[in-house]
């Protein structure tokens, strides 16, 4: 069963600050969640996002992977979460 799409408020609750939007025309944008109007808090961003290049609705919304990797590096990198193996 497919999970329901999360809302802007859900992402804030997870501690996310940005989201990545990809349009079918190939245009890509990163959106700061704090810059969005508070009226969008309980809505699905993909249904309301409009491509700045073509004006088309229905962008694919996903985690801002660059921000995600920057956070991982700030916490010590990928190996920081794994204890050393004992031999």
N, C-alpha and C. Protein backbone atom coordinates (compact mmCIF):
# COMPACT_ATOMS: atom_id res chain seq x y z
N UNK A 1 0.84 -1.18 0.00
CA UNK A 1 0.00 0.00 0.00
C UNK A 1 0.89 1.25 0.00
N UNK A 2 0.55 2.19 -0.83
CA UNK A 2 1.34 3.40 -0.95
C UNK A 2 1.11 4.33 0.23
N UNK A 3 2.20 4.89 0.75
CA UNK A 3 2.12 5.84 1.86
C UNK A 3 1.54 7.16 1.35
N UNK A 4 0.72 7.85 2.17
CA UNK A 4 0.24 9.16 1.76
C UNK A 4 1.39 10.16 1.72
N UNK A 5 1.32 11.10 0.78
CA UNK A 5 2.38 12.09 0.66
C UNK A 5 2.41 12.98 1.90
N UNK A 6 3.60 13.24 2.37
CA UNK A 6 3.74 14.06 3.58
C UNK A 6 3.55 15.53 3.26
N UNK A 7 3.21 16.29 4.29
CA UNK A 7 2.96 17.71 4.15
C UNK A 7 4.18 18.52 4.58
N UNK A 8 4.14 19.82 4.35
CA UNK A 8 5.20 20.72 4.77
C UNK A 8 5.40 20.63 6.28
N UNK A 9 4.32 20.54 7.04
CA UNK A 9 4.41 20.42 8.50
C UNK A 9 5.13 19.13 8.91
N UNK A 10 4.91 18.05 8.18
CA UNK A 10 5.60 16.80 8.46
C UNK A 10 7.11 16.96 8.31
N UNK A 11 7.54 17.65 7.25
CA UNK A 11 8.97 17.85 7.01
C UNK A 11 9.59 18.72 8.08
N UNK A 12 8.86 19.77 8.50
CA UNK A 12 9.33 20.61 9.61
C UNK A 12 9.52 19.74 10.85
N UNK A 13 8.57 18.86 11.10
CA UNK A 13 8.64 17.97 12.26
C UNK A 13 9.84 17.04 12.23
N UNK A 14 10.32 16.71 11.03
CA UNK A 14 11.50 15.86 10.88
C UNK A 14 12.79 16.67 10.97
N UNK A 15 12.66 17.98 11.10
CA UNK A 15 13.85 18.83 11.20
C UNK A 15 14.41 19.28 9.87
N UNK A 16 13.70 19.03 8.78
CA UNK A 16 14.18 19.45 7.46
C UNK A 16 14.00 20.95 7.29
N UNK A 17 14.93 21.57 6.59
CA UNK A 17 14.86 23.01 6.35
C UNK A 17 14.63 23.34 4.88
N UNK A 18 14.99 22.39 3.99
CA UNK A 18 14.83 22.60 2.56
C UNK A 18 14.29 21.34 1.90
N UNK A 19 13.69 21.51 0.74
CA UNK A 19 13.23 20.39 -0.08
C UNK A 19 13.66 20.67 -1.51
N UNK A 20 13.83 19.61 -2.28
CA UNK A 20 14.19 19.72 -3.69
C UNK A 20 12.95 19.47 -4.53
N UNK A 21 12.78 20.27 -5.57
CA UNK A 21 11.65 20.13 -6.49
C UNK A 21 12.20 19.89 -7.90
N UNK A 22 11.65 18.89 -8.58
CA UNK A 22 12.05 18.57 -9.94
C UNK A 22 10.81 18.59 -10.82
N UNK A 23 10.88 19.37 -11.90
CA UNK A 23 9.77 19.46 -12.85
C UNK A 23 10.04 18.51 -14.01
N UNK A 24 9.00 18.07 -14.67
CA UNK A 24 9.12 17.19 -15.82
C UNK A 24 9.89 17.81 -16.98
N UNK A 25 9.99 19.14 -17.00
CA UNK A 25 10.72 19.82 -18.08
C UNK A 25 12.22 19.80 -17.84
N UNK A 26 12.64 19.29 -16.66
CA UNK A 26 14.06 19.22 -16.35
C UNK A 26 14.52 20.32 -15.40
N UNK A 27 13.66 21.27 -15.08
CA UNK A 27 14.02 22.35 -14.17
C UNK A 27 14.09 21.82 -12.74
N UNK A 28 15.07 22.29 -11.99
CA UNK A 28 15.31 21.87 -10.61
C UNK A 28 15.38 23.09 -9.72
N UNK A 29 14.82 23.01 -8.53
CA UNK A 29 14.90 24.12 -7.57
C UNK A 29 14.96 23.57 -6.16
N UNK A 30 15.58 24.32 -5.27
CA UNK A 30 15.60 24.01 -3.85
C UNK A 30 14.76 25.07 -3.15
N UNK A 31 13.87 24.62 -2.28
CA UNK A 31 12.94 25.53 -1.60
C UNK A 31 13.22 25.51 -0.11
N UNK A 32 13.36 26.69 0.50
CA UNK A 32 13.48 26.80 1.95
C UNK A 32 12.08 26.72 2.53
N UNK A 33 11.85 25.74 3.39
CA UNK A 33 10.51 25.55 3.96
C UNK A 33 10.06 26.76 4.76
N UNK A 34 10.99 27.45 5.41
CA UNK A 34 10.63 28.62 6.22
C UNK A 34 10.11 29.77 5.35
N UNK A 35 10.47 29.77 4.07
CA UNK A 35 10.02 30.84 3.16
C UNK A 35 8.61 30.61 2.62
N UNK A 36 8.06 29.42 2.84
CA UNK A 36 6.72 29.12 2.33
C UNK A 36 5.66 29.76 3.21
N UNK A 37 4.54 30.17 2.63
CA UNK A 37 3.46 30.75 3.44
C UNK A 37 2.93 29.74 4.45
N UNK A 38 2.57 30.20 5.62
CA UNK A 38 2.08 29.30 6.67
C UNK A 38 0.80 28.58 6.25
N UNK A 39 0.09 29.10 5.26
CA UNK A 39 -1.13 28.45 4.79
C UNK A 39 -0.83 27.12 4.10
N UNK A 40 0.43 26.89 3.71
CA UNK A 40 0.80 25.64 3.05
C UNK A 40 1.19 24.54 4.03
N UNK A 41 1.19 24.82 5.32
CA UNK A 41 1.69 23.87 6.32
C UNK A 41 1.03 22.50 6.23
N UNK A 42 -0.23 22.44 5.96
CA UNK A 42 -0.94 21.15 5.93
C UNK A 42 -1.28 20.69 4.52
N UNK A 43 -0.60 21.24 3.53
CA UNK A 43 -0.87 20.83 2.15
C UNK A 43 0.30 20.03 1.59
N UNK A 44 0.04 19.36 0.49
CA UNK A 44 1.08 18.63 -0.24
C UNK A 44 1.76 19.61 -1.18
N UNK A 45 3.05 19.74 -1.04
CA UNK A 45 3.79 20.71 -1.83
C UNK A 45 3.76 20.39 -3.32
N UNK A 46 3.82 19.12 -3.68
CA UNK A 46 3.87 18.77 -5.11
C UNK A 46 2.60 19.19 -5.85
N UNK A 47 1.46 19.18 -5.18
CA UNK A 47 0.21 19.58 -5.83
C UNK A 47 0.14 21.08 -6.06
N UNK A 48 0.85 21.85 -5.23
CA UNK A 48 0.78 23.31 -5.30
C UNK A 48 1.99 23.96 -5.95
N UNK A 49 3.09 23.23 -6.08
CA UNK A 49 4.31 23.80 -6.66
C UNK A 49 4.11 24.07 -8.15
N UNK A 50 4.61 25.20 -8.58
CA UNK A 50 4.54 25.57 -9.99
C UNK A 50 5.95 25.83 -10.49
N UNK A 51 6.30 25.26 -11.61
CA UNK A 51 7.64 25.41 -12.18
C UNK A 51 7.89 26.88 -12.53
N UNK A 52 9.02 27.41 -12.06
CA UNK A 52 9.36 28.81 -12.34
C UNK A 52 9.73 29.01 -13.80
N UNK A 53 10.11 27.94 -14.48
CA UNK A 53 10.54 28.04 -15.87
C UNK A 53 9.35 27.93 -16.84
N UNK A 54 8.49 26.95 -16.63
CA UNK A 54 7.39 26.67 -17.56
C UNK A 54 6.00 26.95 -16.99
N UNK A 55 5.88 27.17 -15.68
CA UNK A 55 4.57 27.42 -15.09
C UNK A 55 3.74 26.18 -14.86
N UNK A 56 4.32 25.03 -15.05
CA UNK A 56 3.63 23.75 -14.92
C UNK A 56 3.50 23.34 -13.45
N UNK A 57 2.37 22.73 -13.09
CA UNK A 57 2.15 22.23 -11.72
C UNK A 57 2.56 20.78 -11.62
N UNK A 58 2.71 20.32 -10.36
CA UNK A 58 2.95 18.90 -10.13
C UNK A 58 4.40 18.48 -10.12
N UNK A 59 5.25 19.29 -9.53
CA UNK A 59 6.66 18.93 -9.45
C UNK A 59 6.86 17.73 -8.52
N UNK A 60 7.91 16.97 -8.77
CA UNK A 60 8.28 15.87 -7.89
C UNK A 60 9.04 16.48 -6.71
N UNK A 61 8.59 16.17 -5.50
CA UNK A 61 9.19 16.73 -4.29
C UNK A 61 9.99 15.65 -3.59
N UNK A 62 11.21 15.98 -3.22
CA UNK A 62 12.04 15.01 -2.50
C UNK A 62 12.98 15.74 -1.54
N UNK A 63 13.63 14.95 -0.70
CA UNK A 63 14.60 15.49 0.23
C UNK A 63 15.71 16.22 -0.53
N UNK A 64 16.17 17.32 0.02
CA UNK A 64 17.31 18.04 -0.54
C UNK A 64 18.55 17.22 -0.18
N UNK A 65 19.02 16.41 -1.11
CA UNK A 65 20.09 15.46 -0.82
C UNK A 65 21.40 16.17 -0.51
N UNK A 66 21.65 17.34 -1.09
CA UNK A 66 22.87 18.08 -0.77
C UNK A 66 22.86 18.51 0.70
N UNK A 67 21.72 18.97 1.20
CA UNK A 67 21.61 19.35 2.61
C UNK A 67 21.73 18.11 3.50
N UNK A 68 21.17 17.00 3.05
CA UNK A 68 21.26 15.76 3.81
C UNK A 68 22.71 15.32 3.98
N UNK A 69 23.47 15.29 2.89
CA UNK A 69 24.87 14.88 2.96
C UNK A 69 25.71 15.86 3.77
N UNK A 70 25.40 17.15 3.68
CA UNK A 70 26.12 18.14 4.50
C UNK A 70 25.87 17.88 5.98
N UNK A 71 24.66 17.50 6.35
CA UNK A 71 24.35 17.17 7.73
C UNK A 71 25.08 15.92 8.20
N UNK A 72 25.17 14.92 7.33
CA UNK A 72 25.90 13.69 7.67
C UNK A 72 27.37 14.02 7.92
N UNK A 73 27.96 14.82 7.05
CA UNK A 73 29.36 15.21 7.22
C UNK A 73 29.56 16.01 8.50
N UNK A 74 28.63 16.89 8.83
CA UNK A 74 28.73 17.70 10.04
C UNK A 74 28.69 16.83 11.31
N UNK A 75 28.02 15.70 11.21
CA UNK A 75 27.93 14.78 12.36
C UNK A 75 29.07 13.77 12.39
N UNK A 76 30.06 13.91 11.52
CA UNK A 76 31.22 13.03 11.55
C UNK A 76 31.33 12.08 10.39
N UNK A 77 30.46 12.19 9.41
CA UNK A 77 30.53 11.32 8.24
C UNK A 77 29.76 10.04 8.43
N UNK A 78 29.75 9.22 7.40
CA UNK A 78 28.96 7.99 7.41
C UNK A 78 29.48 6.97 8.42
N UNK A 79 30.77 6.90 8.65
CA UNK A 79 31.34 5.93 9.57
C UNK A 79 31.15 6.29 11.04
N UNK A 80 30.70 7.48 11.34
CA UNK A 80 30.57 7.93 12.73
C UNK A 80 29.50 7.17 13.49
N UNK A 81 28.55 6.58 12.81
CA UNK A 81 27.43 5.93 13.48
C UNK A 81 27.65 4.44 13.73
N UNK A 82 28.77 3.91 13.27
CA UNK A 82 29.03 2.49 13.39
C UNK A 82 30.18 2.26 14.36
N UNK A 83 29.96 1.49 15.41
CA UNK A 83 31.07 1.20 16.34
C UNK A 83 32.12 0.34 15.66
N UNK A 84 33.34 0.45 16.14
CA UNK A 84 34.42 -0.37 15.56
C UNK A 84 34.15 -1.84 15.86
N UNK A 85 34.47 -2.66 14.89
CA UNK A 85 34.30 -4.11 15.07
C UNK A 85 35.33 -4.64 16.06
N UNK A 86 34.88 -5.49 16.94
CA UNK A 86 35.80 -6.10 17.91
C UNK A 86 36.23 -7.45 17.38
N UNK A 87 37.53 -7.68 17.37
CA UNK A 87 38.04 -8.91 16.79
C UNK A 87 38.38 -9.91 17.75
